[in-house]
Amino acid sequence: MNLYLQGIKKRKRCKSKLADPYRHHTVLHITAALGKVEIKTMFFKNKKKEKTKKKTTGIIFAAQSGKVISVTQVNDKVFSQKVLGDGVAIKPESGAVVSPVGGEVVTVADTLHAYGIKTDDGLEVLIHIGVNTVDLNGEGFCSRVSEGNRLSAGDPLCDVDLGLLKSRGYDTDIIILVTNLEPGAMTAHCGINATAGRTCVIEYHM
């Protein structure tokens, strides 16, 4: 635009409106220039938005101390086939289950065996204690939270009587699932021995 304007300033004005042979040519140049600027601005503005769209990354900690396994190894097709989401499971060493992420408790199962937590960046995490333990109707579970509570990673979530679960024939895997990520948006760290609330078991981006 500056080059066009500089050229216009250098020309002498003619007394007759029709005497300037560059008049229409100049108007066309200015119009064309403005059009190019407008189109360019619209085009690159949209492109800029696409390029500057930031991805959120984060980590999920172990909800229990113990060996981390792939969710595909859980003895239940709902989990192993990732019907509810992808994630990991932990072979628990004790009955103290902690929150694997910081966020708000959005769901507490009536039977106290499952919890839903939503993080501030919108990640939805399901913590499911044991397999088919819904059938216990809350027996052996003591919740440490209520819906609406805000937690930090490592805060107490639930105490479970692992001895009771085992004596009744229930699998005690502590299952951590992410329910709202696209396939390939997370990396699970399986085969490691984790410490509750301290060891990263999942990395994600969204």
C-alpha atoms as a PDB file:
ATOM      1  CA  MET A   1       0.000   0.000   0.000  1.00  0.00           C
ATOM      2  CA  ASN A   2       2.781   2.496   0.830  1.00  0.00           C
ATOM      3  CA  LEU A   3       4.366   2.100  -2.619  1.00  0.00           C
ATOM      4  CA  TYR A   4       1.080   2.904  -4.303  1.00  0.00           C
ATOM      5  CA  LEU A   5       0.497   5.966  -2.116  1.00  0.00           C
ATOM      6  CA  GLN A   6       4.029   7.269  -2.636  1.00  0.00           C
ATOM      7  CA  GLY A   7       3.529   7.150  -6.386  1.00  0.00           C
ATOM      8  CA  ILE A   8       0.286   9.112  -6.138  1.00  0.00           C
ATOM      9  CA  LYS A   9       1.818  11.894  -4.018  1.00  0.00           C
ATOM     10  CA  LYS A  10       4.574  12.567  -6.551  1.00  0.00           C
ATOM     11  CA  ARG A  11       2.165  13.277  -9.442  1.00  0.00           C
ATOM     12  CA  LYS A  12       1.047  16.896 -10.042  1.00  0.00           C
ATOM     13  CA  ARG A  13      -2.654  17.572  -9.836  1.00  0.00           C
ATOM     14  CA  CYS A  14      -4.357  18.626 -13.093  1.00  0.00           C
ATOM     15  CA  LYS A  15      -6.890  21.436 -13.155  1.00  0.00           C
ATOM     16  CA  SER A  16      -9.358  19.359 -15.161  1.00  0.00           C
ATOM     17  CA  LYS A  17     -10.842  16.313 -13.509  1.00  0.00           C
ATOM     18  CA  LEU A  18     -10.531  14.479 -16.798  1.00  0.00           C
ATOM     19  CA  ALA A  19      -7.066  15.781 -17.603  1.00  0.00           C
ATOM     20  CA  ASP A  20      -5.167  13.320 -15.419  1.00  0.00           C
ATOM     21  CA  PRO A  21      -4.408  10.332 -17.664  1.00  0.00           C
ATOM     22  CA  TYR A  22      -3.402   8.290 -14.585  1.00  0.00           C
ATOM     23  CA  ARG A  23      -6.609   8.887 -12.627  1.00  0.00           C
ATOM     24  CA  HIS A  24      -8.508   5.749 -13.525  1.00  0.00           C
ATOM     25  CA  HIS A  25      -5.333   3.719 -13.626  1.00  0.00           C
ATOM     26  CA  THR A  26      -4.503   4.864 -10.076  1.00  0.00           C
ATOM     27  CA  VAL A  27      -8.001   4.094  -8.803  1.00  0.00           C
ATOM     28  CA  LEU A  28      -7.785   0.615 -10.285  1.00  0.00           C
ATOM     29  CA  HIS A  29      -4.408   0.063  -8.632  1.00  0.00           C
ATOM     30  CA  ILE A  30      -5.701   1.207  -5.232  1.00  0.00           C
ATOM     31  CA  THR A  31      -8.850  -0.911  -5.572  1.00  0.00           C
ATOM     32  CA  ALA A  32      -6.804  -3.919  -6.627  1.00  0.00           C
ATOM     33  CA  ALA A  33      -4.348  -3.359  -3.805  1.00  0.00           C
ATOM     34  CA  LEU A  34      -7.115  -3.087  -1.219  1.00  0.00           C
ATOM     35  CA  GLY A  35      -8.722  -6.193  -2.618  1.00  0.00           C
ATOM     36  CA  LYS A  36      -5.479  -8.119  -2.388  1.00  0.00           C
ATOM     37  CA  VAL A  37      -4.901  -6.960   1.187  1.00  0.00           C
ATOM     38  CA  GLU A  38      -8.438  -7.909   2.185  1.00  0.00           C
ATOM     39  CA  ILE A  39      -8.296 -11.331   0.567  1.00  0.00           C
ATOM     40  CA  LYS A  40      -4.808 -11.950   1.939  1.00  0.00           C
ATOM     41  CA  THR A  41      -5.902 -10.921   5.436  1.00  0.00           C
ATOM     42  CA  MET A  42      -8.951 -13.179   5.353  1.00  0.00           C
ATOM     43  CA  PHE A  43      -6.965 -16.111   3.994  1.00  0.00           C
ATOM     44  CA  PHE A  44      -3.994 -15.933   6.328  1.00  0.00           C
ATOM     45  CA  LYS A  45      -6.145 -14.995   9.308  1.00  0.00           C
ATOM     46  CA  ASN A  46      -7.876 -18.353   9.034  1.00  0.00           C
ATOM     47  CA  LYS A  47      -4.601 -20.133   8.419  1.00  0.00           C
ATOM     48  CA  LYS A  48      -3.079 -18.439  11.445  1.00  0.00           C
ATOM     49  CA  LYS A  49      -5.917 -19.645  13.634  1.00  0.00           C
ATOM     50  CA  GLU A  50      -5.349 -23.190  12.457  1.00  0.00           C
ATOM     51  CA  LYS A  51      -1.604 -23.006  13.072  1.00  0.00           C
ATOM     52  CA  THR A  52      -1.855 -21.373  16.493  1.00  0.00           C
ATOM     53  CA  LYS A  53      -4.449 -23.794  17.807  1.00  0.00           C
ATOM     54  CA  LYS A  54      -2.622 -25.236  20.791  1.00  0.00           C
ATOM     55  CA  LYS A  55      -2.778 -28.864  21.800  1.00  0.00           C
ATOM     56  CA  THR A  56      -3.269 -29.659  25.447  1.00  0.00           C
ATOM     57  CA  THR A  57      -0.877 -32.226  26.869  1.00  0.00           C
ATOM     58  CA  GLY A  58      -0.891 -33.838  30.274  1.00  0.00           C
ATOM     59  CA  ILE A  59      -0.182 -36.875  32.397  1.00  0.00           C
ATOM     60  CA  ILE A  60      -2.187 -39.307  34.478  1.00  0.00           C
ATOM     61  CA  PHE A  61      -0.694 -40.796  37.621  1.00  0.00           C
ATOM     62  CA  ALA A  62      -1.151 -44.223  39.139  1.00  0.00           C
ATOM     63  CA  ALA A  63      -4.310 -44.566  41.223  1.00  0.00           C
ATOM     64  CA  GLN A  64      -2.699 -47.378  43.180  1.00  0.00           C
ATOM     65  CA  SER A  65       0.749 -48.792  43.837  1.00  0.00           C
ATOM     66  CA  GLY A  66       1.526 -51.935  41.891  1.00  0.00           C
ATOM     67  CA  LYS A  67       2.373 -53.345  38.470  1.00  0.00           C
ATOM     68  CA  VAL A  68       0.890 -51.513  35.489  1.00  0.00           C
ATOM     69  CA  ILE A  69      -0.635 -53.631  32.722  1.00  0.00           C
ATOM     70  CA  SER A  70      -2.405 -52.817  29.477  1.00  0.00           C
ATOM     71  CA  VAL A  71      -6.161 -52.485  29.654  1.00  0.00           C
ATOM     72  CA  THR A  72      -6.263 -55.175  26.960  1.00  0.00           C
ATOM     73  CA  GLN A  73      -5.110 -57.659  29.630  1.00  0.00           C
ATOM     74  CA  VAL A  74      -8.091 -57.043  31.909  1.00  0.00           C
ATOM     75  CA  ASN A  75     -10.302 -60.113  32.238  1.00  0.00           C
ATOM     76  CA  ASP A  76     -13.429 -58.394  30.931  1.00  0.00           C
ATOM     77  CA  LYS A  77     -14.213 -57.657  27.278  1.00  0.00           C
ATOM     78  CA  VAL A  78     -15.803 -54.303  28.080  1.00  0.00           C
ATOM     79  CA  PHE A  79     -12.381 -53.118  29.228  1.00  0.00           C
ATOM     80  CA  SER A  80     -10.031 -55.247  27.124  1.00  0.00           C
ATOM     81  CA  GLN A  81     -11.800 -54.252  23.902  1.00  0.00           C
ATOM     82  CA  LYS A  82     -11.761 -50.586  24.960  1.00  0.00           C
ATOM     83  CA  VAL A  83     -15.526 -50.200  24.752  1.00  0.00           C
ATOM     84  CA  LEU A  84     -15.466 -47.459  27.402  1.00  0.00           C
ATOM     85  CA  GLY A  85     -12.095 -45.993  26.450  1.00  0.00           C
ATOM     86  CA  ASP A  86      -8.363 -46.652  26.463  1.00  0.00           C
ATOM     87  CA  GLY A  87      -6.117 -46.820  29.495  1.00  0.00           C
ATOM     88  CA  VAL A  88      -4.247 -49.059  31.900  1.00  0.00           C
ATOM     89  CA  ALA A  89      -4.885 -51.317  34.872  1.00  0.00           C
ATOM     90  CA  ILE A  90      -2.874 -51.768  38.051  1.00  0.00           C
ATOM     91  CA  LYS A  91      -2.412 -54.899  40.138  1.00  0.00           C
ATOM     92  CA  PRO A  92      -2.972 -53.317  43.579  1.00  0.00           C
ATOM     93  CA  GLU A  93      -0.634 -53.729  46.521  1.00  0.00           C
ATOM     94  CA  SER A  94      -3.039 -52.213  49.054  1.00  0.00           C
ATOM     95  CA  GLY A  95      -6.623 -51.041  49.403  1.00  0.00           C
ATOM     96  CA  ALA A  96      -5.962 -47.289  49.255  1.00  0.00           C
ATOM     97  CA  VAL A  97      -7.051 -45.889  45.881  1.00  0.00           C
ATOM     98  CA  VAL A  98      -6.110 -42.277  45.041  1.00  0.00           C
ATOM     99  CA  SER A  99      -7.115 -39.835  42.343  1.00  0.00           C
ATOM    100  CA  PRO A 100      -4.894 -40.174  39.260  1.00  0.00           C
ATOM    101  CA  VAL A 101      -5.589 -36.587  38.137  1.00  0.00           C
ATOM    102  CA  GLY A 102      -6.592 -33.199  39.447  1.00  0.00           C
ATOM    103  CA  GLY A 103     -10.135 -32.108  38.717  1.00  0.00           C
ATOM    104  CA  GLU A 104     -13.765 -32.376  39.737  1.00  0.00           C
ATOM    105  CA  VAL A 105     -15.523 -35.546  40.819  1.00  0.00           C
ATOM    106  CA  VAL A 106     -18.465 -35.747  38.420  1.00  0.00           C
ATOM    107  CA  THR A 107     -19.649 -39.289  39.124  1.00  0.00           C
ATOM    108  CA  VAL A 108     -19.644 -41.608  42.122  1.00  0.00           C
ATOM    109  CA  ALA A 109     -21.306 -44.954  41.493  1.00  0.00           C
ATOM    110  CA  ASP A 110     -24.007 -45.875  44.000  1.00  0.00           C
ATOM    111  CA  THR A 111     -22.063 -49.073  44.599  1.00  0.00           C
ATOM    112  CA  LEU A 112     -18.865 -47.024  45.227  1.00  0.00           C
ATOM    113  CA  HIS A 113     -16.756 -49.144  42.881  1.00  0.00           C
ATOM    114  CA  ALA A 114     -16.392 -46.560  40.083  1.00  0.00           C
ATOM    115  CA  TYR A 115     -15.578 -42.836  39.899  1.00  0.00           C
ATOM    116  CA  GLY A 116     -15.577 -40.259  37.134  1.00  0.00           C
ATOM    117  CA  ILE A 117     -13.267 -37.229  37.268  1.00  0.00           C
ATOM    118  CA  LYS A 118     -13.123 -34.352  34.782  1.00  0.00           C
ATOM    119  CA  THR A 119      -9.914 -32.334  34.605  1.00  0.00           C
ATOM    120  CA  ASP A 120      -9.727 -28.596  34.004  1.00  0.00           C
ATOM    121  CA  ASP A 121      -8.626 -29.204  30.403  1.00  0.00           C
ATOM    122  CA  GLY A 122     -11.696 -31.350  29.738  1.00  0.00           C
ATOM    123  CA  LEU A 123     -10.222 -34.839  30.048  1.00  0.00           C
ATOM    124  CA  GLU A 124     -12.707 -37.410  31.363  1.00  0.00           C
ATOM    125  CA  VAL A 125     -11.187 -40.161  33.473  1.00  0.00           C
ATOM    126  CA  LEU A 126     -12.923 -43.261  34.808  1.00  0.00           C
ATOM    127  CA  ILE A 127     -11.494 -45.179  37.763  1.00  0.00           C
ATOM    128  CA  HIS A 128     -13.049 -48.626  38.056  1.00  0.00           C
ATOM    129  CA  ILE A 129     -12.105 -50.779  41.056  1.00  0.00           C
ATOM    130  CA  GLY A 130     -12.162 -54.483  40.300  1.00  0.00           C
ATOM    131  CA  VAL A 131     -14.068 -56.433  37.665  1.00  0.00           C
ATOM    132  CA  ASN A 132     -17.813 -57.038  38.037  1.00  0.00           C
ATOM    133  CA  THR A 133     -17.591 -55.554  41.528  1.00  0.00           C
ATOM    134  CA  VAL A 134     -20.851 -53.698  40.916  1.00  0.00           C
ATOM    135  CA  ASP A 135     -22.454 -56.952  42.089  1.00  0.00           C
ATOM    136  CA  LEU A 136     -21.147 -56.329  45.628  1.00  0.00           C
ATOM    137  CA  ASN A 137     -23.558 -53.380  45.997  1.00  0.00           C
ATOM    138  CA  GLY A 138     -20.962 -51.313  47.845  1.00  0.00           C
ATOM    139  CA  GLU A 139     -19.811 -54.006  50.255  1.00  0.00           C
ATOM    140  CA  GLY A 140     -16.070 -53.712  50.830  1.00  0.00           C
ATOM    141  CA  PHE A 141     -15.879 -50.128  49.529  1.00  0.00           C
ATOM    142  CA  CYS A 142     -15.531 -46.897  51.496  1.00  0.00           C
ATOM    143  CA  SER A 143     -15.696 -43.743  49.387  1.00  0.00           C
ATOM    144  CA  ARG A 144     -13.580 -40.772  50.441  1.00  0.00           C
ATOM    145  CA  VAL A 145     -15.236 -38.291  48.061  1.00  0.00           C
ATOM    146  CA  SER A 146     -18.601 -36.970  46.895  1.00  0.00           C
ATOM    147  CA  GLU A 147     -19.758 -35.603  43.555  1.00  0.00           C
ATOM    148  CA  GLY A 148     -18.683 -31.994  43.142  1.00  0.00           C
ATOM    149  CA  ASN A 149     -15.505 -32.365  45.216  1.00  0.00           C
ATOM    150  CA  ARG A 150     -12.304 -30.991  43.709  1.00  0.00           C
ATOM    151  CA  LEU A 151      -9.232 -33.184  43.946  1.00  0.00           C
ATOM    152  CA  SER A 152      -5.537 -33.030  43.260  1.00  0.00           C
ATOM    153  CA  ALA A 153      -3.641 -36.004  41.895  1.00  0.00           C
ATOM    154  CA  GLY A 154      -2.823 -38.291  44.810  1.00  0.00           C
ATOM    155  CA  ASP A 155      -5.790 -37.299  46.992  1.00  0.00           C
ATOM    156  CA  PRO A 156      -7.670 -40.224  48.624  1.00  0.00           C
ATOM    157  CA  LEU A 157     -10.503 -41.533  46.469  1.00  0.00           C
ATOM    158  CA  CYS A 158     -11.660 -44.816  47.970  1.00  0.00           C
ATOM    159  CA  ASP A 159     -10.627 -47.537  50.397  1.00  0.00           C
ATOM    160  CA  VAL A 160     -11.356 -51.075  49.275  1.00  0.00           C
ATOM    161  CA  ASP A 161     -11.160 -54.374  51.143  1.00  0.00           C
ATOM    162  CA  LEU A 162      -9.048 -56.380  48.710  1.00  0.00           C
ATOM    163  CA  GLY A 163      -9.243 -59.449  50.932  1.00  0.00           C
ATOM    164  CA  LEU A 164     -13.037 -59.431  50.667  1.00  0.00           C
ATOM    165  CA  LEU A 165     -12.939 -59.071  46.884  1.00  0.00           C
ATOM    166  CA  LYS A 166     -10.487 -61.940  46.540  1.00  0.00           C
ATOM    167  CA  SER A 167     -12.454 -64.179  48.906  1.00  0.00           C
ATOM    168  CA  ARG A 168     -15.556 -63.610  46.767  1.00  0.00           C
ATOM    169  CA  GLY A 169     -13.656 -64.440  43.602  1.00  0.00           C
ATOM    170  CA  TYR A 170     -13.442 -60.948  42.108  1.00  0.00           C
ATOM    171  CA  ASP A 171     -10.526 -59.639  40.069  1.00  0.00           C
ATOM    172  CA  THR A 172      -8.987 -56.692  41.949  1.00  0.00           C
ATOM    173  CA  ASP A 173      -7.465 -54.748  39.024  1.00  0.00           C
ATOM    174  CA  ILE A 174      -7.679 -50.972  39.441  1.00  0.00           C
ATOM    175  CA  ILE A 175      -8.653 -49.765  35.962  1.00  0.00           C
ATOM    176  CA  ILE A 176      -7.942 -46.219  34.750  1.00  0.00           C
ATOM    177  CA  LEU A 177      -9.652 -45.237  31.512  1.00  0.00           C
ATOM    178  CA  VAL A 178      -9.778 -42.056  29.452  1.00  0.00           C
ATOM    179  CA  THR A 179     -13.233 -41.906  27.899  1.00  0.00           C
ATOM    180  CA  ASN A 180     -13.032 -38.900  25.554  1.00  0.00           C
ATOM    181  CA  LEU A 181      -9.776 -39.117  23.589  1.00  0.00           C
ATOM    182  CA  GLU A 182      -9.303 -39.935  19.925  1.00  0.00           C
ATOM    183  CA  PRO A 183      -7.392 -43.161  19.142  1.00  0.00           C
ATOM    184  CA  GLY A 184      -3.659 -42.590  19.264  1.00  0.00           C
ATOM    185  CA  ALA A 185      -3.903 -39.532  21.501  1.00  0.00           C
ATOM    186  CA  MET A 186      -2.373 -41.235  24.529  1.00  0.00           C
ATOM    187  CA  THR A 187       0.652 -43.287  25.491  1.00  0.00           C
ATOM    188  CA  ALA A 188       0.348 -45.900  28.222  1.00  0.00           C
ATOM    189  CA  HIS A 189       3.381 -46.887  30.297  1.00  0.00           C
ATOM    190  CA  CYS A 190       2.818 -50.578  30.931  1.00  0.00           C
ATOM    191  CA  GLY A 191       5.098 -53.149  32.541  1.00  0.00           C
ATOM    192  CA  ILE A 192       6.383 -50.796  35.240  1.00  0.00           C
ATOM    193  CA  ASN A 193       5.930 -50.838  38.998  1.00  0.00           C
ATOM    194  CA  ALA A 194       4.067 -47.670  39.929  1.00  0.00           C
ATOM    195  CA  THR A 195       3.681 -45.667  43.115  1.00  0.00           C
ATOM    196  CA  ALA A 196       0.219 -44.286  43.822  1.00  0.00           C
ATOM    197  CA  GLY A 197      -0.116 -40.598  42.962  1.00  0.00           C
ATOM    198  CA  ARG A 198       3.531 -40.275  41.918  1.00  0.00           C
ATOM    199  CA  THR A 199       4.235 -42.442  38.875  1.00  0.00           C
ATOM    200  CA  CYS A 200       3.045 -41.331  35.443  1.00  0.00           C
ATOM    201  CA  VAL A 201       1.136 -44.173  33.779  1.00  0.00           C
ATOM    202  CA  ILE A 202      -0.443 -42.276  30.858  1.00  0.00           C
ATOM    203  CA  GLU A 203       0.615 -39.305  28.745  1.00  0.00           C
ATOM    204  CA  TYR A 204      -2.006 -37.656  26.528  1.00  0.00           C
ATOM    205  CA  HIS A 205      -2.684 -34.815  24.118  1.00  0.00           C
ATOM    206  CA  MET A 206      -6.001 -33.372  23.004  1.00  0.00           C
END
